[in-house]
Amino acid sequence: MGEQQTLQPAVKQLKQQLDKLSTDESSDKHAIKFTADSGFNSEANLEYMAKSGFDTYIADNQFRKRNPLFKESETYETEQEKRRLKRSKGKPRLFTSEDFHYDETTQTCRCPAGNEMCNGQQIL
């Protein structure tokens, strides 16, 4: 929630800077496009920006959850998880110590993917 709280002070400072730069009293603030990423999307910020006089666009990361057109669609995360499960042949995401191979002779450890782990790592 920290990022959301920084929008209003930043816009106030922006307005002050624009007022200092403006030589024409009749300048149209609607000509200024203001954009922000979804981290700034909150009810309070949307209300504030509606009153700001700027032509504002703030990304809405909840749009797909509310829009019925996306109700049956696969999300990126769901597709990514399906691909991961296919690659891992359905193995669980978390590994246990049994999933790693330690070779006492060479004092090396291999991860479940067969890659040697970095030397100097403490093996518990």
C-alpha atoms as a PDB file:
ATOM      1  CA  MET A   1       0.000   0.000   0.000  1.00  0.00           C
ATOM      2  CA  GLY A   2       3.053   2.280   0.270  1.00  0.00           C
ATOM      3  CA  GLU A   3       3.123   3.214  -3.403  1.00  0.00           C
ATOM      4  CA  GLN A   4      -0.537   4.279  -3.379  1.00  0.00           C
ATOM      5  CA  GLN A   5       0.156   6.845  -0.675  1.00  0.00           C
ATOM      6  CA  THR A   6       2.802   8.620  -2.743  1.00  0.00           C
ATOM      7  CA  LEU A   7       0.528   9.609  -5.634  1.00  0.00           C
ATOM      8  CA  GLN A   8      -1.268  12.596  -4.096  1.00  0.00           C
ATOM      9  CA  PRO A   9       1.877  14.345  -2.786  1.00  0.00           C
ATOM     10  CA  ALA A  10       3.583  13.771  -6.145  1.00  0.00           C
ATOM     11  CA  VAL A  11       0.632  15.252  -8.054  1.00  0.00           C
ATOM     12  CA  LYS A  12       0.544  18.268  -5.726  1.00  0.00           C
ATOM     13  CA  GLN A  13       4.241  18.839  -6.386  1.00  0.00           C
ATOM     14  CA  LEU A  14       3.681  18.405 -10.124  1.00  0.00           C
ATOM     15  CA  LYS A  15       0.912  21.025 -10.058  1.00  0.00           C
ATOM     16  CA  GLN A  16       3.221  23.456  -8.228  1.00  0.00           C
ATOM     17  CA  GLN A  17       5.946  22.928 -10.830  1.00  0.00           C
ATOM     18  CA  LEU A  18       3.484  23.373 -13.693  1.00  0.00           C
ATOM     19  CA  ASP A  19       2.135  26.556 -12.100  1.00  0.00           C
ATOM     20  CA  LYS A  20       5.696  27.939 -11.900  1.00  0.00           C
ATOM     21  CA  LEU A  21       6.339  27.099 -15.557  1.00  0.00           C
ATOM     22  CA  SER A  22       2.985  28.336 -16.830  1.00  0.00           C
ATOM     23  CA  THR A  23       2.974  31.843 -18.260  1.00  0.00           C
ATOM     24  CA  ASP A  24      -0.526  31.595 -19.712  1.00  0.00           C
ATOM     25  CA  GLU A  25      -3.287  31.811 -17.093  1.00  0.00           C
ATOM     26  CA  SER A  26      -5.754  30.046 -19.391  1.00  0.00           C
ATOM     27  CA  SER A  27      -3.652  26.895 -19.884  1.00  0.00           C
ATOM     28  CA  ASP A  28      -5.806  23.789 -20.122  1.00  0.00           C
ATOM     29  CA  LYS A  29      -4.740  21.117 -17.646  1.00  0.00           C
ATOM     30  CA  HIS A  30      -6.826  18.580 -19.577  1.00  0.00           C
ATOM     31  CA  ALA A  31      -4.169  18.755 -22.266  1.00  0.00           C
ATOM     32  CA  ILE A  32      -1.801  17.101 -19.765  1.00  0.00           C
ATOM     33  CA  LYS A  33      -1.951  13.304 -19.813  1.00  0.00           C
ATOM     34  CA  PHE A  34      -1.146  11.668 -16.475  1.00  0.00           C
ATOM     35  CA  THR A  35      -0.400   7.937 -16.364  1.00  0.00           C
ATOM     36  CA  ALA A  36       0.415   5.615 -13.472  1.00  0.00           C
ATOM     37  CA  ASP A  37       0.891   1.884 -13.084  1.00  0.00           C
ATOM     38  CA  SER A  38      -1.503  -0.393 -11.199  1.00  0.00           C
ATOM     39  CA  GLY A  39       0.438   0.045  -7.941  1.00  0.00           C
ATOM     40  CA  PHE A  40      -1.173   3.487  -7.653  1.00  0.00           C
ATOM     41  CA  ASN A  41      -4.711   2.205  -8.275  1.00  0.00           C
ATOM     42  CA  SER A  42      -6.934   2.815  -5.251  1.00  0.00           C
ATOM     43  CA  GLU A  43     -10.384   4.289  -4.756  1.00  0.00           C
ATOM     44  CA  ALA A  44      -8.905   7.319  -2.988  1.00  0.00           C
ATOM     45  CA  ASN A  45      -6.394   7.962  -5.789  1.00  0.00           C
ATOM     46  CA  LEU A  46      -9.014   7.563  -8.506  1.00  0.00           C
ATOM     47  CA  GLU A  47     -11.295  10.088  -6.757  1.00  0.00           C
ATOM     48  CA  TYR A  48      -8.390  12.485  -6.208  1.00  0.00           C
ATOM     49  CA  MET A  49      -7.264  12.313  -9.830  1.00  0.00           C
ATOM     50  CA  ALA A  50     -10.835  12.789 -11.082  1.00  0.00           C
ATOM     51  CA  LYS A  51     -10.795  16.161  -9.308  1.00  0.00           C
ATOM     52  CA  SER A  52      -7.213  17.025 -10.304  1.00  0.00           C
ATOM     53  CA  GLY A  53      -8.003  18.446 -13.717  1.00  0.00           C
ATOM     54  CA  PHE A  54      -5.538  16.093 -15.425  1.00  0.00           C
ATOM     55  CA  ASP A  55      -6.513  13.621 -18.132  1.00  0.00           C
ATOM     56  CA  THR A  56      -5.610  10.587 -15.997  1.00  0.00           C
ATOM     57  CA  TYR A  57      -4.978   6.943 -16.844  1.00  0.00           C
ATOM     58  CA  ILE A  58      -4.175   4.497 -14.020  1.00  0.00           C
ATOM     59  CA  ALA A  59      -3.775   0.807 -14.815  1.00  0.00           C
ATOM     60  CA  ASP A  60      -6.365  -1.479 -13.228  1.00  0.00           C
ATOM     61  CA  ASN A  61      -4.925  -4.866 -12.285  1.00  0.00           C
ATOM     62  CA  GLN A  62      -8.345  -6.170 -11.180  1.00  0.00           C
ATOM     63  CA  PHE A  63     -10.043  -5.611 -14.555  1.00  0.00           C
ATOM     64  CA  ARG A  64      -9.857  -9.238 -15.681  1.00  0.00           C
ATOM     65  CA  LYS A  65     -11.383 -10.452 -12.407  1.00  0.00           C
ATOM     66  CA  ARG A  66     -14.427  -8.194 -12.816  1.00  0.00           C
ATOM     67  CA  ASN A  67     -14.956  -8.481 -16.566  1.00  0.00           C
ATOM     68  CA  PRO A  68     -17.186 -11.471 -17.435  1.00  0.00           C
ATOM     69  CA  LEU A  69     -15.387 -11.893 -20.774  1.00  0.00           C
ATOM     70  CA  PHE A  70     -12.327 -13.133 -18.855  1.00  0.00           C
ATOM     71  CA  LYS A  71     -14.203 -15.424 -16.450  1.00  0.00           C
ATOM     72  CA  GLU A  72     -13.358 -18.612 -18.341  1.00  0.00           C
ATOM     73  CA  SER A  73      -9.981 -17.511 -19.699  1.00  0.00           C
ATOM     74  CA  GLU A  74      -6.686 -18.860 -18.455  1.00  0.00           C
ATOM     75  CA  THR A  75      -4.476 -16.400 -16.646  1.00  0.00           C
ATOM     76  CA  TYR A  76      -0.789 -16.113 -17.374  1.00  0.00           C
ATOM     77  CA  GLU A  77      -0.014 -17.660 -13.972  1.00  0.00           C
ATOM     78  CA  THR A  78      -2.314 -20.639 -14.633  1.00  0.00           C
ATOM     79  CA  GLU A  79      -0.714 -21.296 -18.010  1.00  0.00           C
ATOM     80  CA  GLN A  80       2.752 -20.909 -16.511  1.00  0.00           C
ATOM     81  CA  GLU A  81       1.904 -23.447 -13.779  1.00  0.00           C
ATOM     82  CA  LYS A  82       0.564 -25.905 -16.378  1.00  0.00           C
ATOM     83  CA  ARG A  83       3.805 -25.635 -18.353  1.00  0.00           C
ATOM     84  CA  ARG A  84       5.864 -26.130 -15.192  1.00  0.00           C
ATOM     85  CA  LEU A  85       3.884 -29.236 -14.217  1.00  0.00           C
ATOM     86  CA  LYS A  86       4.281 -30.629 -17.718  1.00  0.00           C
ATOM     87  CA  ARG A  87       8.056 -30.113 -17.595  1.00  0.00           C
ATOM     88  CA  SER A  88       8.343 -31.602 -14.103  1.00  0.00           C
ATOM     89  CA  LYS A  89       5.964 -34.489 -14.912  1.00  0.00           C
ATOM     90  CA  GLY A  90       3.663 -33.425 -12.094  1.00  0.00           C
ATOM     91  CA  LYS A  91       6.302 -33.341  -9.323  1.00  0.00           C
ATOM     92  CA  PRO A  92       5.478 -31.000  -6.447  1.00  0.00           C
ATOM     93  CA  ARG A  93       6.892 -27.502  -6.564  1.00  0.00           C
ATOM     94  CA  LEU A  94       8.741 -27.791  -3.221  1.00  0.00           C
ATOM     95  CA  PHE A  95      11.753 -30.073  -2.885  1.00  0.00           C
ATOM     96  CA  THR A  96      12.996 -32.003   0.121  1.00  0.00           C
ATOM     97  CA  SER A  97      16.560 -33.017   0.968  1.00  0.00           C
ATOM     98  CA  GLU A  98      15.850 -36.408  -0.642  1.00  0.00           C
ATOM     99  CA  ASP A  99      15.496 -34.638  -4.008  1.00  0.00           C
ATOM    100  CA  PHE A 100      19.164 -33.551  -3.893  1.00  0.00           C
ATOM    101  CA  HIS A 101      22.103 -35.881  -4.497  1.00  0.00           C
ATOM    102  CA  TYR A 102      25.205 -35.410  -2.364  1.00  0.00           C
ATOM    103  CA  ASP A 103      28.425 -37.114  -3.461  1.00  0.00           C
ATOM    104  CA  GLU A 104      30.756 -37.503  -0.468  1.00  0.00           C
ATOM    105  CA  THR A 105      33.738 -38.361  -2.643  1.00  0.00           C
ATOM    106  CA  THR A 106      33.648 -35.117  -4.616  1.00  0.00           C
ATOM    107  CA  GLN A 107      31.780 -33.210  -1.890  1.00  0.00           C
ATOM    108  CA  THR A 108      29.316 -31.860  -4.431  1.00  0.00           C
ATOM    109  CA  CYS A 109      25.567 -31.642  -4.441  1.00  0.00           C
ATOM    110  CA  ARG A 110      23.237 -31.880  -7.438  1.00  0.00           C
ATOM    111  CA  CYS A 111      19.773 -30.360  -7.538  1.00  0.00           C
ATOM    112  CA  PRO A 112      16.735 -32.278  -8.873  1.00  0.00           C
ATOM    113  CA  ALA A 113      17.412 -30.821 -12.339  1.00  0.00           C
ATOM    114  CA  GLY A 114      20.878 -32.413 -12.290  1.00  0.00           C
ATOM    115  CA  ASN A 115      22.824 -29.174 -11.930  1.00  0.00           C
ATOM    116  CA  GLU A 116      25.777 -28.996  -9.566  1.00  0.00           C
ATOM    117  CA  MET A 117      25.227 -26.538  -6.785  1.00  0.00           C
ATOM    118  CA  CYS A 118      27.777 -23.800  -6.152  1.00  0.00           C
ATOM    119  CA  ASN A 119      30.863 -24.776  -4.171  1.00  0.00           C
ATOM    120  CA  GLY A 120      31.035 -23.362  -0.712  1.00  0.00           C
ATOM    121  CA  GLN A 121      27.317 -23.686  -0.017  1.00  0.00           C
ATOM    122  CA  GLN A 122      26.569 -25.187   3.341  1.00  0.00           C
ATOM    123  CA  ILE A 123      24.552 -28.384   3.039  1.00  0.00           C
ATOM    124  CA  LEU A 124      22.205 -28.956   5.926  1.00  0.00           C
END
